[in-house]
Protein backbone atom coordinates (compact mmCIF):
# COMPACT_ATOMS: atom_id res chain seq x y z
CA MET A 1 -62.09 -10.53 -122.72
CA ILE A 2 -58.33 -10.78 -122.20
CA ASN A 3 -56.19 -13.49 -120.67
CA ARG A 4 -55.11 -11.76 -117.46
CA ASP A 5 -51.76 -13.54 -117.04
CA GLN A 6 -50.80 -13.00 -120.66
CA PHE A 7 -51.83 -9.36 -120.39
CA LEU A 8 -49.80 -8.81 -117.19
CA GLU A 9 -46.77 -10.56 -118.68
CA THR A 10 -46.91 -8.31 -121.75
CA ALA A 11 -47.48 -5.22 -119.62
CA ILE A 12 -44.53 -5.89 -117.31
CA SER A 13 -42.21 -6.71 -120.21
CA LYS A 14 -43.06 -3.38 -121.85
CA PHE A 15 -42.96 -1.34 -118.63
CA THR A 16 -39.58 -2.74 -117.59
CA ARG A 17 -38.17 -2.15 -121.06
CA PHE A 18 -39.50 1.34 -121.77
CA GLY A 19 -40.54 2.67 -118.36
CA CYS A 20 -44.05 2.65 -116.93
CA LYS A 21 -44.55 6.37 -117.55
CA ARG A 22 -43.44 6.29 -121.19
CA PHE A 23 -45.29 3.13 -122.22
CA THR A 24 -48.97 4.13 -122.21
CA LEU A 25 -52.17 2.13 -121.96
CA ASP A 26 -52.80 3.08 -125.60
CA ASP A 27 -49.46 1.44 -126.46
CA LEU A 28 -50.39 -1.60 -124.40
CA ALA A 29 -53.84 -1.90 -125.99
CA HIS A 30 -52.24 -1.73 -129.43
CA GLU A 31 -49.60 -4.31 -128.45
CA MET A 32 -52.25 -6.71 -127.15
CA GLY A 33 -54.67 -6.11 -130.04
CA VAL A 34 -57.46 -4.96 -127.72
CA SER A 35 -59.20 -1.66 -127.15
CA LYS A 36 -58.30 0.63 -124.28
CA LYS A 37 -61.90 0.15 -123.14
CA THR A 38 -61.21 -3.58 -122.72
CA ILE A 39 -58.30 -2.76 -120.44
CA TYR A 40 -60.52 -0.50 -118.34
CA GLU A 41 -63.09 -3.28 -118.07
CA ASN A 42 -60.43 -5.38 -116.32
CA PHE A 43 -58.37 -2.72 -114.50
CA SER A 44 -59.57 0.50 -112.86
CA ASN A 45 -56.61 2.62 -114.03
CA LYS A 46 -53.01 2.54 -115.20
CA GLU A 47 -51.69 2.41 -111.65
CA THR A 48 -53.59 -0.85 -111.15
CA VAL A 49 -52.03 -2.25 -114.33
CA VAL A 50 -48.55 -1.17 -113.15
CA THR A 51 -49.09 -2.65 -109.67
CA ASP A 52 -50.71 -5.89 -110.83
CA SER A 53 -48.06 -6.49 -113.50
CA LEU A 54 -45.29 -5.86 -110.97
CA ASN A 55 -46.90 -8.27 -108.50
CA PHE A 56 -47.18 -10.83 -111.31
CA LEU A 57 -43.45 -10.55 -112.04
CA LEU A 58 -42.37 -10.60 -108.39
CA LYS A 59 -44.39 -13.76 -107.70
CA LYS A 60 -42.76 -15.40 -110.72
CA ILE A 61 -39.28 -14.40 -109.53
CA ASP A 62 -39.95 -15.54 -105.96
CA LEU A 63 -41.08 -18.96 -107.23
CA GLU A 64 -37.86 -19.25 -109.22
CA PHE A 65 -35.86 -18.42 -106.09
CA ILE A 66 -37.73 -21.05 -104.08
CA GLN A 67 -36.98 -23.63 -106.78
CA ILE A 68 -33.28 -22.67 -106.68
CA ILE A 69 -33.21 -23.13 -102.89
CA GLU A 70 -34.89 -26.52 -103.18
CA LYS A 71 -32.54 -27.62 -105.97
CA HIS A 72 -29.42 -26.71 -103.99
CA GLU A 73 -30.75 -27.76 -100.58
CA ALA A 74 -27.36 -29.02 -99.37
CA ASN A 75 -25.42 -25.98 -100.58
CA PRO A 76 -26.76 -22.66 -99.24
CA ILE A 77 -23.85 -20.68 -100.70
CA LEU A 78 -24.58 -22.00 -104.20
CA SER A 79 -28.26 -21.13 -103.68
CA ILE A 80 -27.30 -17.52 -102.92
CA ILE A 81 -25.12 -17.33 -106.03
CA GLU A 82 -27.90 -18.74 -108.22
CA ILE A 83 -30.49 -16.41 -106.68
CA TYR A 84 -28.33 -13.41 -107.52
CA ARG A 85 -27.53 -14.73 -111.01
CA THR A 86 -31.27 -15.02 -111.69
CA GLY A 87 -31.98 -11.65 -110.09
CA PHE A 88 -29.25 -9.96 -112.14
CA ILE A 89 -30.66 -11.42 -115.35
CA TYR A 90 -34.01 -9.86 -114.50
CA LEU A 91 -32.46 -6.54 -113.42
CA LYS A 92 -30.44 -6.36 -116.64
CA SER A 93 -33.71 -6.32 -118.59
CA PHE A 94 -35.02 -3.38 -116.50
CA SER A 95 -34.64 0.06 -117.95
CA PRO A 96 -33.48 2.50 -115.24
CA ALA A 97 -36.53 4.52 -116.33
CA TYR A 98 -38.74 1.74 -114.96
CA ILE A 99 -37.41 1.89 -111.39
CA ASN A 100 -37.25 5.69 -111.48
CA GLY A 101 -40.79 5.82 -112.88
CA LEU A 102 -42.09 3.60 -110.10
CA LYS A 103 -40.38 5.79 -107.52
CA LYS A 104 -41.65 9.06 -109.00
CA TYR A 105 -45.09 8.26 -110.44
CA TYR A 106 -46.25 5.03 -108.79
CA PRO A 107 -45.11 5.12 -105.14
CA LYS A 108 -47.46 2.30 -104.14
CA SER A 109 -45.83 0.03 -106.72
CA TYR A 110 -42.35 1.20 -105.73
CA LYS A 111 -43.12 0.29 -102.12
CA ILE A 112 -44.12 -3.22 -103.29
CA TYR A 113 -40.84 -3.47 -105.22
CA PHE A 114 -38.81 -2.17 -102.25
CA ASN A 115 -40.54 -4.59 -99.85
CA PHE A 116 -39.86 -7.46 -102.25
CA ARG A 117 -36.13 -6.67 -102.16
CA LYS A 118 -36.28 -6.76 -98.36
CA HIS A 119 -38.23 -10.04 -98.54
CA ILE A 120 -35.52 -11.62 -100.70
CA ILE A 121 -32.79 -10.55 -98.28
CA ASN A 122 -34.65 -11.52 -95.10
CA ASN A 123 -36.55 -14.61 -96.22
CA HIS A 124 -34.09 -16.15 -98.64
CA VAL A 125 -30.53 -14.81 -98.47
CA LYS A 126 -30.31 -14.27 -94.71
CA LYS A 127 -31.86 -17.67 -94.02
CA LEU A 128 -29.38 -19.28 -96.41
CA LEU A 129 -26.48 -17.51 -94.68
CA LEU A 130 -27.77 -18.68 -91.29
CA LYS A 131 -27.99 -22.21 -92.67
CA ALA A 132 -24.41 -21.94 -93.97
CA GLU A 133 -23.31 -20.64 -90.57
CA LYS A 134 -25.00 -23.54 -88.78
CA LYS A 135 -23.22 -25.98 -91.12
CA GLU A 136 -19.95 -24.14 -90.32
CA HIS A 137 -19.55 -23.09 -93.94
CA LEU A 138 -18.85 -19.48 -92.92
CA LYS A 139 -15.84 -18.10 -91.10
CA ALA A 140 -16.28 -17.58 -87.38
CA ASN A 141 -17.70 -14.29 -86.10
CA ILE A 142 -19.45 -13.23 -89.32
CA ASN A 143 -22.27 -10.80 -88.51
CA ILE A 144 -24.93 -11.94 -90.96
CA ASN A 145 -27.28 -9.05 -90.21
CA LEU A 146 -24.51 -6.56 -90.86
CA ILE A 147 -23.52 -8.34 -94.11
CA CYS A 148 -27.13 -8.11 -95.30
CA ASP A 149 -27.60 -4.49 -94.18
CA LEU A 150 -24.31 -3.10 -95.46
CA TYR A 151 -23.77 -5.05 -98.59
CA LEU A 152 -26.40 -7.34 -100.00
CA SER A 153 -29.39 -5.01 -99.64
CA ARG A 154 -27.51 -2.18 -101.42
CA ILE A 155 -26.48 -4.05 -104.55
CA GLU A 156 -29.08 -2.32 -106.71
CA ASN A 157 -27.57 1.06 -105.78
CA MET A 158 -24.18 -0.24 -106.91
CA LEU A 159 -25.62 -1.52 -110.18
CA PHE A 160 -27.56 1.61 -111.14
CA GLY A 161 -26.16 4.34 -108.84
CA SER A 162 -23.85 6.07 -111.30
CA GLY A 163 -25.01 4.55 -114.55
CA ASN A 164 -26.12 1.10 -115.56
CA LEU A 165 -23.28 -1.38 -114.94
CA PHE A 166 -25.13 -3.93 -117.08
CA GLU A 167 -24.33 -1.73 -120.09
CA ILE A 168 -20.60 -2.09 -119.37
CA TYR A 169 -20.18 -5.56 -117.82
CA SER A 170 -21.74 -8.97 -118.29
CA VAL A 171 -24.02 -10.55 -115.70
CA GLU A 172 -21.28 -13.10 -114.98
CA GLU A 173 -18.63 -10.42 -114.37
CA ILE A 174 -20.93 -8.52 -112.03
CA LEU A 175 -21.92 -11.72 -110.27
CA GLU A 176 -18.27 -12.68 -109.79
CA HIS A 177 -17.23 -9.31 -108.39
CA LEU A 178 -20.28 -8.37 -106.32
CA ILE A 179 -21.45 -11.75 -105.01
CA ILE A 180 -19.02 -14.62 -105.50
CA ASN A 181 -15.87 -12.78 -104.35
CA HIS A 182 -17.75 -11.42 -101.36
CA LEU A 183 -19.01 -14.89 -100.43
CA ARG A 184 -15.46 -16.25 -100.81
CA GLY A 185 -14.37 -13.66 -98.26
CA ILE A 186 -16.82 -14.84 -95.61
CA SER A 187 -16.89 -18.56 -96.44
CA ALA A 188 -14.74 -21.23 -94.92
CA ASN A 189 -12.13 -21.97 -97.58
CA TYR A 190 -12.66 -25.71 -97.64
CA TYR A 191 -16.37 -25.25 -98.25
CA PHE A 192 -16.27 -22.71 -101.06
CA ASN A 193 -13.80 -24.76 -103.06
CA ASN A 194 -16.02 -27.88 -102.94
């Protein structure tokens, strides 16, 4: 018998570090000190382990984002910055082989990952931007849908498109240039400086 949460946490940490194709169930069984048979008693196949461990991580991340939003209730712009800071910290720990492996070998899991990114934009970031707009914290005539479609939803492509920017720059530098400077550009000056 294995502790499911502990197992999924170990699995996702290894998959994101080494890639889900490269890190095998034999490796995982050895890491957890269980037999491969024990894994198959709890999961039907490796794809189930990959999918369940990804879902485990995404739920954890989403809860962190909800806590950030609650903590910075009065400041939607700060919430967005903190959401991206947290997201970048997670993404920095992802090997590009993990995302590529999901895309190539585990399309069901990749779809879950892709839909989660859309969920973050639509259910967190866009709502926070709309809240900032309602509070008049954004410049007039900002098209929030266009901002989300053109810029915010494509950040991962910028980070990993032609190499891993996390290998060159710190999370704080990337956050400053990709998120904070952009938000400064659309925010009412008096608000962003407060």
